[in-house]
N, C-alpha and C. Protein backbone atom coordinates (compact mmCIF):
# COMPACT_ATOMS: atom_id res chain seq x y z
N MET A 1 0.82 -1.19 0.00
CA MET A 1 0.00 0.00 0.00
C MET A 1 0.87 1.26 0.00
N LYS A 2 1.94 1.26 0.80
CA LYS A 2 2.78 2.44 0.85
C LYS A 2 3.40 2.74 -0.51
N LYS A 3 3.76 1.70 -1.22
CA LYS A 3 4.42 1.88 -2.52
C LYS A 3 3.49 2.58 -3.52
N TYR A 4 2.20 2.23 -3.49
CA TYR A 4 1.25 2.76 -4.47
C TYR A 4 0.21 3.69 -3.86
N GLY A 5 0.42 4.11 -2.64
CA GLY A 5 -0.58 4.92 -1.93
C GLY A 5 -1.11 6.10 -2.71
N ASP A 6 -0.24 6.82 -3.40
CA ASP A 6 -0.68 7.98 -4.15
C ASP A 6 -1.32 7.62 -5.49
N LYS A 7 -1.33 6.34 -5.83
CA LYS A 7 -1.91 5.88 -7.10
C LYS A 7 -3.24 5.16 -6.91
N LEU A 8 -3.65 4.89 -5.65
CA LEU A 8 -4.88 4.13 -5.40
C LEU A 8 -6.13 4.84 -5.92
N ILE A 9 -6.15 6.15 -5.80
CA ILE A 9 -7.27 6.95 -6.27
C ILE A 9 -6.73 7.95 -7.28
N GLN A 10 -7.32 7.95 -8.47
CA GLN A 10 -6.83 8.83 -9.53
C GLN A 10 -7.98 9.63 -10.15
N PRO A 11 -7.73 10.89 -10.46
CA PRO A 11 -8.73 11.67 -11.20
C PRO A 11 -8.60 11.40 -12.70
N TYR A 12 -9.70 11.49 -13.40
CA TYR A 12 -9.69 11.28 -14.85
C TYR A 12 -10.66 12.29 -15.47
N TYR A 13 -10.13 13.19 -16.26
CA TYR A 13 -10.95 14.23 -16.89
C TYR A 13 -10.33 14.61 -18.23
N ALA A 14 -11.10 15.29 -19.05
CA ALA A 14 -10.71 15.56 -20.44
C ALA A 14 -9.41 16.34 -20.56
N ASP A 15 -9.14 17.28 -19.67
CA ASP A 15 -7.97 18.14 -19.80
C ASP A 15 -6.66 17.49 -19.37
N ARG A 16 -6.70 16.29 -18.83
CA ARG A 16 -5.45 15.60 -18.49
C ARG A 16 -4.75 15.21 -19.78
N SER A 17 -3.45 15.14 -19.73
CA SER A 17 -2.72 14.77 -20.94
C SER A 17 -3.04 13.33 -21.32
N ASP A 18 -2.86 13.01 -22.59
CA ASP A 18 -3.11 11.63 -23.05
C ASP A 18 -2.23 10.65 -22.29
N THR A 19 -1.00 11.04 -21.99
CA THR A 19 -0.09 10.18 -21.22
C THR A 19 -0.66 9.90 -19.84
N ASP A 20 -1.14 10.94 -19.17
CA ASP A 20 -1.73 10.76 -17.84
C ASP A 20 -2.95 9.84 -17.90
N LYS A 21 -3.83 10.07 -18.88
CA LYS A 21 -5.03 9.23 -19.00
C LYS A 21 -4.65 7.78 -19.29
N ASN A 22 -3.67 7.58 -20.15
CA ASN A 22 -3.21 6.21 -20.43
C ASN A 22 -2.65 5.55 -19.18
N ASN A 23 -1.91 6.32 -18.37
CA ASN A 23 -1.35 5.79 -17.13
C ASN A 23 -2.44 5.41 -16.14
N VAL A 24 -3.49 6.22 -16.04
CA VAL A 24 -4.60 5.91 -15.14
C VAL A 24 -5.29 4.62 -15.59
N ARG A 25 -5.58 4.52 -16.89
CA ARG A 25 -6.24 3.31 -17.41
C ARG A 25 -5.37 2.08 -17.18
N ALA A 26 -4.07 2.20 -17.42
CA ALA A 26 -3.17 1.06 -17.24
C ALA A 26 -3.07 0.66 -15.77
N SER A 27 -2.96 1.64 -14.88
CA SER A 27 -2.85 1.30 -13.45
C SER A 27 -4.16 0.72 -12.93
N PHE A 28 -5.30 1.14 -13.48
CA PHE A 28 -6.59 0.55 -13.09
C PHE A 28 -6.68 -0.89 -13.57
N ALA A 29 -6.25 -1.14 -14.79
CA ALA A 29 -6.28 -2.50 -15.34
C ALA A 29 -5.35 -3.44 -14.56
N MET A 30 -4.28 -2.90 -13.98
CA MET A 30 -3.32 -3.71 -13.21
C MET A 30 -3.66 -3.75 -11.72
N ASN A 31 -4.82 -3.21 -11.33
CA ASN A 31 -5.27 -3.16 -9.94
C ASN A 31 -4.36 -2.34 -9.03
N ILE A 32 -3.63 -1.41 -9.58
CA ILE A 32 -2.85 -0.47 -8.76
C ILE A 32 -3.78 0.66 -8.35
N CYS A 33 -4.42 1.28 -9.33
CA CYS A 33 -5.45 2.28 -9.08
C CYS A 33 -6.75 1.53 -8.81
N ARG A 34 -7.38 1.78 -7.68
CA ARG A 34 -8.60 1.06 -7.30
C ARG A 34 -9.85 1.91 -7.47
N ILE A 35 -9.68 3.24 -7.51
CA ILE A 35 -10.82 4.15 -7.64
C ILE A 35 -10.47 5.24 -8.66
N ILE A 36 -11.36 5.44 -9.62
CA ILE A 36 -11.19 6.53 -10.57
C ILE A 36 -12.33 7.52 -10.32
N CYS A 37 -11.97 8.76 -10.00
CA CYS A 37 -12.95 9.84 -9.88
C CYS A 37 -12.99 10.50 -11.24
N ALA A 38 -14.10 10.30 -11.95
CA ALA A 38 -14.10 10.61 -13.37
C ALA A 38 -15.24 11.50 -13.82
N THR A 39 -14.97 12.16 -14.92
CA THR A 39 -16.01 12.85 -15.67
C THR A 39 -16.41 11.93 -16.81
N GLU A 40 -17.21 12.44 -17.71
CA GLU A 40 -17.66 11.67 -18.86
C GLU A 40 -16.49 11.17 -19.70
N ALA A 41 -15.36 11.84 -19.64
CA ALA A 41 -14.19 11.49 -20.44
C ALA A 41 -13.69 10.08 -20.16
N CYS A 42 -13.91 9.58 -18.97
CA CYS A 42 -13.39 8.27 -18.59
C CYS A 42 -13.99 7.14 -19.39
N GLY A 43 -15.23 7.24 -19.74
CA GLY A 43 -15.89 6.14 -20.44
C GLY A 43 -15.42 5.95 -21.86
N MET A 44 -14.84 6.95 -22.44
CA MET A 44 -14.40 6.85 -23.82
C MET A 44 -13.15 5.98 -23.89
N GLY A 45 -13.27 4.85 -24.51
CA GLY A 45 -12.12 3.97 -24.69
C GLY A 45 -11.85 3.03 -23.54
N MET A 46 -12.68 3.04 -22.52
CA MET A 46 -12.47 2.14 -21.38
C MET A 46 -13.26 0.86 -21.61
N ASN A 47 -12.59 -0.26 -21.55
CA ASN A 47 -13.28 -1.54 -21.66
C ASN A 47 -12.77 -2.43 -20.53
N VAL A 48 -13.30 -2.19 -19.34
CA VAL A 48 -12.91 -2.93 -18.16
C VAL A 48 -14.13 -3.71 -17.69
N PRO A 49 -14.16 -5.02 -17.90
CA PRO A 49 -15.37 -5.79 -17.63
C PRO A 49 -15.64 -6.09 -16.16
N ASP A 50 -14.64 -5.98 -15.29
CA ASP A 50 -14.83 -6.41 -13.91
C ASP A 50 -14.93 -5.25 -12.91
N VAL A 51 -15.63 -4.19 -13.28
CA VAL A 51 -15.85 -3.07 -12.37
C VAL A 51 -16.94 -3.50 -11.38
N ALA A 52 -16.60 -3.49 -10.10
CA ALA A 52 -17.52 -3.99 -9.07
C ALA A 52 -18.40 -2.91 -8.47
N GLY A 53 -18.04 -1.65 -8.65
CA GLY A 53 -18.83 -0.58 -8.06
C GLY A 53 -18.80 0.68 -8.91
N VAL A 54 -19.97 1.28 -9.10
CA VAL A 54 -20.09 2.55 -9.79
C VAL A 54 -20.90 3.47 -8.89
N PHE A 55 -20.38 4.66 -8.66
CA PHE A 55 -21.04 5.63 -7.81
C PHE A 55 -21.31 6.89 -8.62
N GLN A 56 -22.55 7.29 -8.70
CA GLN A 56 -22.95 8.49 -9.42
C GLN A 56 -23.31 9.54 -8.38
N VAL A 57 -22.64 10.69 -8.41
CA VAL A 57 -22.94 11.76 -7.48
C VAL A 57 -23.90 12.74 -8.14
N ASP A 58 -25.05 12.93 -7.54
CA ASP A 58 -26.16 13.76 -8.03
C ASP A 58 -26.78 13.19 -9.30
N ILE A 59 -27.88 13.76 -9.68
CA ILE A 59 -28.68 13.22 -10.76
C ILE A 59 -28.09 13.60 -12.12
N PRO A 60 -27.88 12.62 -12.99
CA PRO A 60 -27.41 12.92 -14.35
C PRO A 60 -28.49 13.66 -15.15
N ILE A 61 -28.11 14.17 -16.30
CA ILE A 61 -29.02 14.95 -17.13
C ILE A 61 -30.21 14.14 -17.62
N ASN A 62 -29.98 12.88 -17.96
CA ASN A 62 -31.08 12.07 -18.50
C ASN A 62 -30.87 10.60 -18.17
N LEU A 63 -31.88 9.80 -18.46
CA LEU A 63 -31.83 8.37 -18.15
C LEU A 63 -30.75 7.65 -18.94
N ALA A 64 -30.47 8.11 -20.15
CA ALA A 64 -29.42 7.48 -20.97
C ALA A 64 -28.07 7.59 -20.28
N GLN A 65 -27.80 8.72 -19.61
CA GLN A 65 -26.54 8.86 -18.88
C GLN A 65 -26.46 7.89 -17.71
N VAL A 66 -27.56 7.71 -17.01
CA VAL A 66 -27.57 6.75 -15.90
C VAL A 66 -27.26 5.36 -16.44
N GLN A 67 -27.91 4.99 -17.52
CA GLN A 67 -27.70 3.67 -18.12
C GLN A 67 -26.24 3.52 -18.56
N GLN A 68 -25.70 4.54 -19.19
CA GLN A 68 -24.31 4.49 -19.67
C GLN A 68 -23.35 4.34 -18.50
N ARG A 69 -23.53 5.13 -17.47
CA ARG A 69 -22.60 5.12 -16.34
C ARG A 69 -22.72 3.84 -15.52
N PHE A 70 -23.94 3.46 -15.18
CA PHE A 70 -24.13 2.24 -14.40
C PHE A 70 -23.80 1.01 -15.23
N GLY A 71 -23.90 1.13 -16.53
CA GLY A 71 -23.57 0.01 -17.41
C GLY A 71 -22.10 -0.35 -17.41
N ARG A 72 -21.27 0.48 -16.83
CA ARG A 72 -19.83 0.18 -16.73
C ARG A 72 -19.56 -0.87 -15.66
N GLY A 73 -20.50 -1.06 -14.77
CA GLY A 73 -20.30 -2.01 -13.67
C GLY A 73 -20.83 -3.39 -14.01
N GLY A 74 -20.11 -4.40 -13.56
CA GLY A 74 -20.58 -5.78 -13.64
C GLY A 74 -20.84 -6.31 -15.03
N ARG A 75 -19.94 -6.06 -15.94
CA ARG A 75 -20.12 -6.58 -17.30
C ARG A 75 -19.88 -8.08 -17.39
N ILE A 76 -19.24 -8.64 -16.37
CA ILE A 76 -19.07 -10.08 -16.29
C ILE A 76 -20.30 -10.63 -15.56
N GLU A 77 -20.96 -11.59 -16.17
CA GLU A 77 -22.22 -12.10 -15.62
C GLU A 77 -22.10 -12.62 -14.19
N SER A 78 -20.97 -13.20 -13.84
CA SER A 78 -20.81 -13.77 -12.51
C SER A 78 -20.48 -12.72 -11.44
N LEU A 79 -20.23 -11.48 -11.85
CA LEU A 79 -19.86 -10.42 -10.91
C LEU A 79 -21.11 -9.68 -10.45
N ASN A 80 -21.31 -9.60 -9.15
CA ASN A 80 -22.41 -8.82 -8.59
C ASN A 80 -21.91 -7.40 -8.33
N ALA A 81 -22.12 -6.53 -9.30
CA ALA A 81 -21.69 -5.14 -9.15
C ALA A 81 -22.74 -4.34 -8.41
N ILE A 82 -22.30 -3.27 -7.76
CA ILE A 82 -23.20 -2.38 -7.04
C ILE A 82 -23.10 -1.01 -7.68
N CYS A 83 -24.23 -0.48 -8.10
CA CYS A 83 -24.30 0.86 -8.67
C CYS A 83 -25.11 1.72 -7.71
N THR A 84 -24.55 2.85 -7.30
CA THR A 84 -25.15 3.66 -6.26
C THR A 84 -25.31 5.10 -6.73
N LEU A 85 -26.49 5.67 -6.49
CA LEU A 85 -26.75 7.07 -6.78
C LEU A 85 -26.66 7.82 -5.47
N ILE A 86 -25.75 8.78 -5.40
CA ILE A 86 -25.53 9.56 -4.18
C ILE A 86 -26.12 10.94 -4.39
N LEU A 87 -27.09 11.30 -3.56
CA LEU A 87 -27.77 12.59 -3.69
C LEU A 87 -27.38 13.52 -2.54
N SER A 88 -27.31 14.79 -2.84
CA SER A 88 -26.99 15.78 -1.82
C SER A 88 -28.21 16.03 -0.94
N LYS A 89 -28.02 16.76 0.14
CA LYS A 89 -29.10 17.06 1.08
C LYS A 89 -30.24 17.82 0.39
N ALA A 90 -29.94 18.49 -0.71
CA ALA A 90 -30.96 19.27 -1.41
C ALA A 90 -32.10 18.39 -1.91
N PHE A 91 -31.85 17.09 -2.08
CA PHE A 91 -32.87 16.19 -2.60
C PHE A 91 -33.74 15.57 -1.49
N ARG A 92 -33.40 15.81 -0.24
CA ARG A 92 -34.21 15.28 0.86
C ARG A 92 -35.58 15.92 0.85
N GLY A 93 -36.58 15.14 1.11
CA GLY A 93 -37.92 15.67 1.20
C GLY A 93 -38.64 15.79 -0.14
N LEU A 94 -37.96 15.50 -1.24
CA LEU A 94 -38.65 15.54 -2.53
C LEU A 94 -39.67 14.41 -2.60
N LYS A 95 -40.80 14.71 -3.12
CA LYS A 95 -41.84 13.71 -3.23
C LYS A 95 -42.33 13.67 -4.68
N PRO A 96 -42.78 12.51 -5.13
CA PRO A 96 -43.25 12.42 -6.51
C PRO A 96 -44.56 13.19 -6.70
N ASP A 97 -44.75 13.69 -7.89
CA ASP A 97 -46.00 14.35 -8.25
C ASP A 97 -46.96 13.27 -8.73
N LEU A 98 -47.88 12.87 -7.89
CA LEU A 98 -48.79 11.78 -8.21
C LEU A 98 -49.77 12.13 -9.32
N GLU A 99 -49.91 13.41 -9.61
CA GLU A 99 -50.81 13.86 -10.67
C GLU A 99 -50.08 14.04 -12.01
N TYR A 100 -48.79 13.74 -12.03
CA TYR A 100 -47.98 13.95 -13.25
C TYR A 100 -48.48 13.08 -14.40
N VAL A 101 -48.62 13.68 -15.57
CA VAL A 101 -49.00 12.97 -16.79
C VAL A 101 -47.84 13.10 -17.77
N PRO A 102 -47.20 12.00 -18.15
CA PRO A 102 -46.07 12.06 -19.08
C PRO A 102 -46.46 12.74 -20.38
N SER A 103 -45.48 13.40 -20.99
CA SER A 103 -45.76 14.19 -22.19
C SER A 103 -45.68 13.38 -23.49
N ASN A 104 -45.06 12.22 -23.46
CA ASN A 104 -44.99 11.46 -24.72
C ASN A 104 -45.69 10.10 -24.58
N GLN A 105 -46.04 9.55 -25.71
CA GLN A 105 -46.83 8.32 -25.76
C GLN A 105 -46.12 7.13 -25.10
N THR A 106 -44.80 7.03 -25.28
CA THR A 106 -44.06 5.91 -24.71
C THR A 106 -44.13 5.92 -23.19
N GLN A 107 -43.90 7.09 -22.60
CA GLN A 107 -43.96 7.20 -21.14
C GLN A 107 -45.37 6.93 -20.63
N ARG A 108 -46.37 7.44 -21.33
CA ARG A 108 -47.76 7.19 -20.90
C ARG A 108 -48.06 5.70 -20.95
N GLY A 109 -47.57 4.99 -21.96
CA GLY A 109 -47.79 3.56 -22.07
C GLY A 109 -47.16 2.79 -20.93
N ILE A 110 -45.97 3.19 -20.50
CA ILE A 110 -45.28 2.53 -19.39
C ILE A 110 -46.08 2.76 -18.10
N LYS A 111 -46.52 3.99 -17.88
CA LYS A 111 -47.25 4.31 -16.67
C LYS A 111 -48.57 3.53 -16.61
N ASP A 112 -49.24 3.40 -17.76
CA ASP A 112 -50.53 2.69 -17.80
C ASP A 112 -50.39 1.20 -17.52
N LYS A 113 -49.23 0.61 -17.76
CA LYS A 113 -49.03 -0.84 -17.56
C LYS A 113 -48.85 -1.20 -16.09
N LYS A 114 -48.58 -0.25 -15.26
CA LYS A 114 -48.32 -0.53 -13.84
C LYS A 114 -49.54 -0.96 -13.10
């Protein structure tokens, strides 16, 4: 741990040099880096099938982003990955609008099937 202590957690973002990003990906693949704190840039070119945990901080822009980000975890069928959405205190007390009517036909169809 002492030898790789400063490499266990690595940031990954678009403005890092290509060399730095390659080093982060390589150290993650070799289990030196255990946690990547990443922006959207991390998913481009990453093919790591044994990611056991994905943590999303705050709500993404749309459902496709949630699917993309959580889809990075547990690509091996035998691996039980955990995907977690972490919300700030600002989201406490929010309640669903029970009178909400979806605006498109697909969403209305899903709601009607429940």
